[in-house]
Amino acid sequence: MGVLSLPMGPLRLYGKAGVVYWDARATARIQPPFGSGFSVDDDDNGTDLAFGGGLEFRISPALSLRGELEWFDIEDTEEVWFASAGIAYRF
C-alpha cells in the first residue's frame, strides 16, 4: 500500500491506497434427523483495490495512538469496511 500523510503538530492525518489479496473458504454440513446428509464446500480468492485513512496522535517520539478506517472493493460483496484502533511504538 502507498501512504500519504499530512503532519499537523502532534497529529498526523494519513490516507493510503493499494491492493488486498483475499482467500475465503466455507463449508456447510446439512444433517437431517434421518439419513446421511451432505456437505457443501466453496473456495474463492482474488486481488482487489483497498483504500483507507486515519489519524495518528503522537504521545512521544516513540509512542503514538492510531485510529483507521479501510474500505476494500471485493467483487461479489456489498460493502467491506474495517475499522481499527491501536498503539504504534517506534524503536
N, C-alpha and C. Protein backbone atom coordinates (compact mmCIF):
# COMPACT_ATOMS: atom_id res chain seq x y z
N MET A 1 0.84 -1.18 0.00
CA MET A 1 0.00 0.00 0.00
C MET A 1 0.88 1.23 0.00
N GLY A 2 0.44 2.25 -0.69
CA GLY A 2 1.10 3.54 -0.65
C GLY A 2 0.42 4.41 0.39
N VAL A 3 1.20 5.17 1.15
CA VAL A 3 0.66 6.01 2.22
C VAL A 3 1.10 7.45 2.00
N LEU A 4 0.16 8.38 2.14
CA LEU A 4 0.43 9.81 2.05
C LEU A 4 -0.03 10.43 3.36
N SER A 5 0.84 11.21 4.00
CA SER A 5 0.47 11.77 5.31
C SER A 5 0.67 13.27 5.36
N LEU A 6 -0.07 13.89 6.27
CA LEU A 6 -0.02 15.33 6.49
C LEU A 6 0.18 15.57 7.99
N PRO A 7 1.42 15.90 8.42
CA PRO A 7 1.67 16.17 9.83
C PRO A 7 1.08 17.52 10.24
N MET A 8 0.44 17.54 11.42
CA MET A 8 -0.15 18.77 11.96
C MET A 8 0.18 18.83 13.45
N GLY A 9 1.42 19.14 13.78
CA GLY A 9 1.86 19.13 15.17
C GLY A 9 1.91 17.71 15.68
N PRO A 10 1.29 17.42 16.84
CA PRO A 10 1.30 16.05 17.36
C PRO A 10 0.34 15.12 16.60
N LEU A 11 -0.49 15.68 15.72
CA LEU A 11 -1.42 14.87 14.93
C LEU A 11 -0.87 14.63 13.53
N ARG A 12 -1.21 13.49 12.97
CA ARG A 12 -0.85 13.18 11.60
C ARG A 12 -2.05 12.54 10.92
N LEU A 13 -2.53 13.17 9.86
CA LEU A 13 -3.63 12.65 9.06
C LEU A 13 -3.01 11.89 7.89
N TYR A 14 -3.52 10.69 7.61
CA TYR A 14 -2.93 9.93 6.51
C TYR A 14 -4.00 9.20 5.70
N GLY A 15 -3.67 8.96 4.45
CA GLY A 15 -4.50 8.18 3.55
C GLY A 15 -3.64 7.15 2.86
N LYS A 16 -4.26 6.06 2.45
CA LYS A 16 -3.48 5.03 1.78
C LYS A 16 -4.32 4.33 0.72
N ALA A 17 -3.65 3.78 -0.27
CA ALA A 17 -4.31 3.07 -1.36
C ALA A 17 -3.41 1.93 -1.80
N GLY A 18 -4.02 0.85 -2.24
CA GLY A 18 -3.25 -0.29 -2.70
C GLY A 18 -4.15 -1.43 -3.09
N VAL A 19 -3.63 -2.63 -2.98
CA VAL A 19 -4.40 -3.83 -3.30
C VAL A 19 -4.40 -4.77 -2.11
N VAL A 20 -5.44 -5.61 -2.04
CA VAL A 20 -5.55 -6.61 -0.98
C VAL A 20 -5.76 -7.97 -1.64
N TYR A 21 -5.03 -8.97 -1.17
CA TYR A 21 -5.25 -10.34 -1.62
C TYR A 21 -6.10 -11.02 -0.56
N TRP A 22 -7.15 -11.70 -0.95
CA TRP A 22 -8.03 -12.39 -0.01
C TRP A 22 -8.25 -13.82 -0.47
N ASP A 23 -8.52 -14.68 0.51
CA ASP A 23 -8.76 -16.10 0.27
C ASP A 23 -9.86 -16.53 1.23
N ALA A 24 -11.00 -16.97 0.70
CA ALA A 24 -12.15 -17.34 1.53
C ALA A 24 -12.53 -18.80 1.28
N ARG A 25 -12.80 -19.52 2.36
CA ARG A 25 -13.26 -20.90 2.28
C ARG A 25 -14.45 -21.06 3.21
N ALA A 26 -15.45 -21.81 2.76
CA ALA A 26 -16.64 -22.06 3.58
C ALA A 26 -17.10 -23.49 3.37
N THR A 27 -17.58 -24.11 4.45
CA THR A 27 -18.15 -25.45 4.41
C THR A 27 -19.44 -25.45 5.20
N ALA A 28 -20.48 -26.01 4.62
CA ALA A 28 -21.77 -26.16 5.32
C ALA A 28 -22.14 -27.64 5.30
N ARG A 29 -22.52 -28.16 6.43
CA ARG A 29 -22.94 -29.57 6.52
C ARG A 29 -24.43 -29.59 6.83
N ILE A 30 -25.19 -30.26 5.98
CA ILE A 30 -26.62 -30.41 6.15
C ILE A 30 -26.87 -31.81 6.71
N GLN A 31 -27.40 -31.89 7.92
CA GLN A 31 -27.64 -33.17 8.58
C GLN A 31 -29.10 -33.26 9.00
N PRO A 32 -29.94 -33.95 8.20
CA PRO A 32 -31.33 -34.12 8.58
C PRO A 32 -31.45 -35.09 9.76
N PRO A 33 -32.61 -35.15 10.40
CA PRO A 33 -32.78 -36.05 11.55
C PRO A 33 -32.59 -37.52 11.17
N PHE A 34 -32.77 -37.86 9.91
CA PHE A 34 -32.54 -39.23 9.45
C PHE A 34 -31.78 -39.17 8.13
N GLY A 35 -31.03 -40.17 7.81
CA GLY A 35 -30.22 -40.16 6.58
C GLY A 35 -28.81 -39.69 6.86
N SER A 36 -28.00 -39.68 5.80
CA SER A 36 -26.58 -39.36 5.97
C SER A 36 -26.25 -37.88 5.81
N GLY A 37 -27.11 -37.10 5.17
CA GLY A 37 -26.83 -35.68 4.97
C GLY A 37 -25.79 -35.46 3.89
N PHE A 38 -25.33 -34.20 3.76
CA PHE A 38 -24.34 -33.87 2.74
C PHE A 38 -23.64 -32.58 3.13
N SER A 39 -22.53 -32.32 2.45
CA SER A 39 -21.73 -31.10 2.68
C SER A 39 -21.67 -30.26 1.41
N VAL A 40 -21.56 -28.96 1.61
CA VAL A 40 -21.38 -28.02 0.51
C VAL A 40 -20.11 -27.23 0.81
N ASP A 41 -19.17 -27.23 -0.13
CA ASP A 41 -17.91 -26.50 0.04
C ASP A 41 -17.80 -25.41 -1.02
N ASP A 42 -17.19 -24.29 -0.64
CA ASP A 42 -16.93 -23.21 -1.59
C ASP A 42 -15.57 -22.62 -1.26
N ASP A 43 -14.84 -22.24 -2.27
CA ASP A 43 -13.50 -21.68 -2.12
C ASP A 43 -13.32 -20.61 -3.19
N ASP A 44 -12.87 -19.41 -2.78
CA ASP A 44 -12.67 -18.32 -3.74
C ASP A 44 -11.53 -17.45 -3.25
N ASN A 45 -10.86 -16.77 -4.15
CA ASN A 45 -9.81 -15.83 -3.77
C ASN A 45 -9.70 -14.77 -4.85
N GLY A 46 -8.95 -13.73 -4.55
CA GLY A 46 -8.79 -12.67 -5.53
C GLY A 46 -7.88 -11.55 -5.03
N THR A 47 -7.65 -10.59 -5.90
CA THR A 47 -6.88 -9.39 -5.58
C THR A 47 -7.72 -8.20 -6.00
N ASP A 48 -7.98 -7.29 -5.07
CA ASP A 48 -8.85 -6.15 -5.33
C ASP A 48 -8.27 -4.88 -4.72
N LEU A 49 -8.89 -3.74 -5.06
CA LEU A 49 -8.44 -2.44 -4.56
C LEU A 49 -8.76 -2.26 -3.09
N ALA A 50 -7.93 -1.49 -2.40
CA ALA A 50 -8.14 -1.16 -1.00
C ALA A 50 -7.78 0.31 -0.79
N PHE A 51 -8.61 1.02 -0.02
CA PHE A 51 -8.38 2.42 0.31
C PHE A 51 -8.61 2.61 1.81
N GLY A 52 -7.90 3.55 2.40
CA GLY A 52 -8.08 3.79 3.82
C GLY A 52 -7.54 5.13 4.23
N GLY A 53 -7.75 5.43 5.49
CA GLY A 53 -7.24 6.66 6.05
C GLY A 53 -7.36 6.63 7.55
N GLY A 54 -6.68 7.54 8.20
CA GLY A 54 -6.75 7.56 9.65
C GLY A 54 -6.09 8.78 10.24
N LEU A 55 -6.03 8.75 11.55
CA LEU A 55 -5.45 9.83 12.33
C LEU A 55 -4.53 9.22 13.37
N GLU A 56 -3.35 9.80 13.52
CA GLU A 56 -2.38 9.33 14.50
C GLU A 56 -2.04 10.48 15.45
N PHE A 57 -2.05 10.20 16.73
CA PHE A 57 -1.70 11.20 17.74
C PHE A 57 -0.40 10.76 18.42
N ARG A 58 0.64 11.58 18.26
CA ARG A 58 1.96 11.25 18.81
C ARG A 58 2.04 11.68 20.27
N ILE A 59 2.21 10.70 21.17
CA ILE A 59 2.35 10.96 22.60
C ILE A 59 3.80 11.32 22.92
N SER A 60 4.74 10.62 22.31
CA SER A 60 6.18 10.87 22.47
C SER A 60 6.83 10.54 21.12
N PRO A 61 8.13 10.79 20.97
CA PRO A 61 8.77 10.45 19.70
C PRO A 61 8.65 8.96 19.34
N ALA A 62 8.46 8.10 20.33
CA ALA A 62 8.40 6.66 20.06
C ALA A 62 6.99 6.08 20.15
N LEU A 63 6.02 6.78 20.75
CA LEU A 63 4.71 6.20 21.04
C LEU A 63 3.59 7.03 20.44
N SER A 64 2.66 6.36 19.73
CA SER A 64 1.52 7.04 19.10
C SER A 64 0.26 6.21 19.27
N LEU A 65 -0.88 6.91 19.28
CA LEU A 65 -2.20 6.27 19.23
C LEU A 65 -2.74 6.45 17.83
N ARG A 66 -3.39 5.40 17.27
CA ARG A 66 -3.87 5.46 15.89
C ARG A 66 -5.31 4.98 15.79
N GLY A 67 -6.05 5.61 14.90
CA GLY A 67 -7.38 5.16 14.51
C GLY A 67 -7.45 5.15 12.99
N GLU A 68 -8.06 4.11 12.42
CA GLU A 68 -8.02 3.95 10.97
C GLU A 68 -9.31 3.33 10.46
N LEU A 69 -9.70 3.70 9.24
CA LEU A 69 -10.85 3.13 8.57
C LEU A 69 -10.42 2.74 7.16
N GLU A 70 -10.69 1.48 6.77
CA GLU A 70 -10.31 1.00 5.44
C GLU A 70 -11.52 0.45 4.71
N TRP A 71 -11.51 0.57 3.37
CA TRP A 71 -12.56 0.05 2.51
C TRP A 71 -11.91 -0.84 1.45
N PHE A 72 -12.51 -2.02 1.24
CA PHE A 72 -12.00 -2.98 0.28
C PHE A 72 -13.03 -3.19 -0.81
N ASP A 73 -12.62 -3.10 -2.07
CA ASP A 73 -13.50 -3.26 -3.23
C ASP A 73 -13.48 -4.71 -3.69
N ILE A 74 -14.04 -5.61 -2.87
CA ILE A 74 -14.03 -7.04 -3.17
C ILE A 74 -15.28 -7.39 -3.97
N GLU A 75 -15.06 -7.97 -5.15
CA GLU A 75 -16.19 -8.29 -6.03
C GLU A 75 -17.13 -9.29 -5.37
N ASP A 76 -18.39 -9.24 -5.77
CA ASP A 76 -19.45 -10.12 -5.25
C ASP A 76 -19.76 -9.89 -3.77
N THR A 77 -19.40 -8.71 -3.24
CA THR A 77 -19.77 -8.35 -1.87
C THR A 77 -20.46 -6.99 -1.92
N GLU A 78 -21.28 -6.71 -0.91
CA GLU A 78 -21.96 -5.41 -0.84
C GLU A 78 -20.97 -4.33 -0.40
N GLU A 79 -20.49 -4.42 0.82
CA GLU A 79 -19.55 -3.45 1.38
C GLU A 79 -18.59 -4.19 2.31
N VAL A 80 -17.32 -3.89 2.23
CA VAL A 80 -16.34 -4.45 3.15
C VAL A 80 -15.57 -3.28 3.76
N TRP A 81 -15.81 -3.02 5.04
CA TRP A 81 -15.15 -1.95 5.79
C TRP A 81 -14.40 -2.57 6.96
N PHE A 82 -13.30 -1.93 7.37
CA PHE A 82 -12.52 -2.39 8.50
C PHE A 82 -12.11 -1.17 9.31
N ALA A 83 -12.45 -1.16 10.58
CA ALA A 83 -12.06 -0.07 11.49
C ALA A 83 -11.12 -0.63 12.54
N SER A 84 -10.09 0.14 12.87
CA SER A 84 -9.15 -0.32 13.89
C SER A 84 -8.63 0.85 14.71
N ALA A 85 -8.21 0.51 15.90
CA ALA A 85 -7.55 1.46 16.80
C ALA A 85 -6.35 0.73 17.38
N GLY A 86 -5.26 1.44 17.54
CA GLY A 86 -4.06 0.77 18.04
C GLY A 86 -3.03 1.71 18.59
N ILE A 87 -1.97 1.12 19.03
CA ILE A 87 -0.81 1.83 19.58
C ILE A 87 0.38 1.49 18.69
N ALA A 88 1.13 2.49 18.27
CA ALA A 88 2.34 2.28 17.47
C ALA A 88 3.56 2.65 18.31
N TYR A 89 4.54 1.77 18.34
CA TYR A 89 5.79 2.02 19.05
C TYR A 89 6.93 1.95 18.05
N ARG A 90 7.70 3.00 17.95
CA ARG A 90 8.84 3.05 17.04
C ARG A 90 10.14 2.95 17.83
N PHE A 91 11.04 2.11 17.36
CA PHE A 91 12.33 1.96 18.06
C PHE A 91 13.47 1.98 17.09
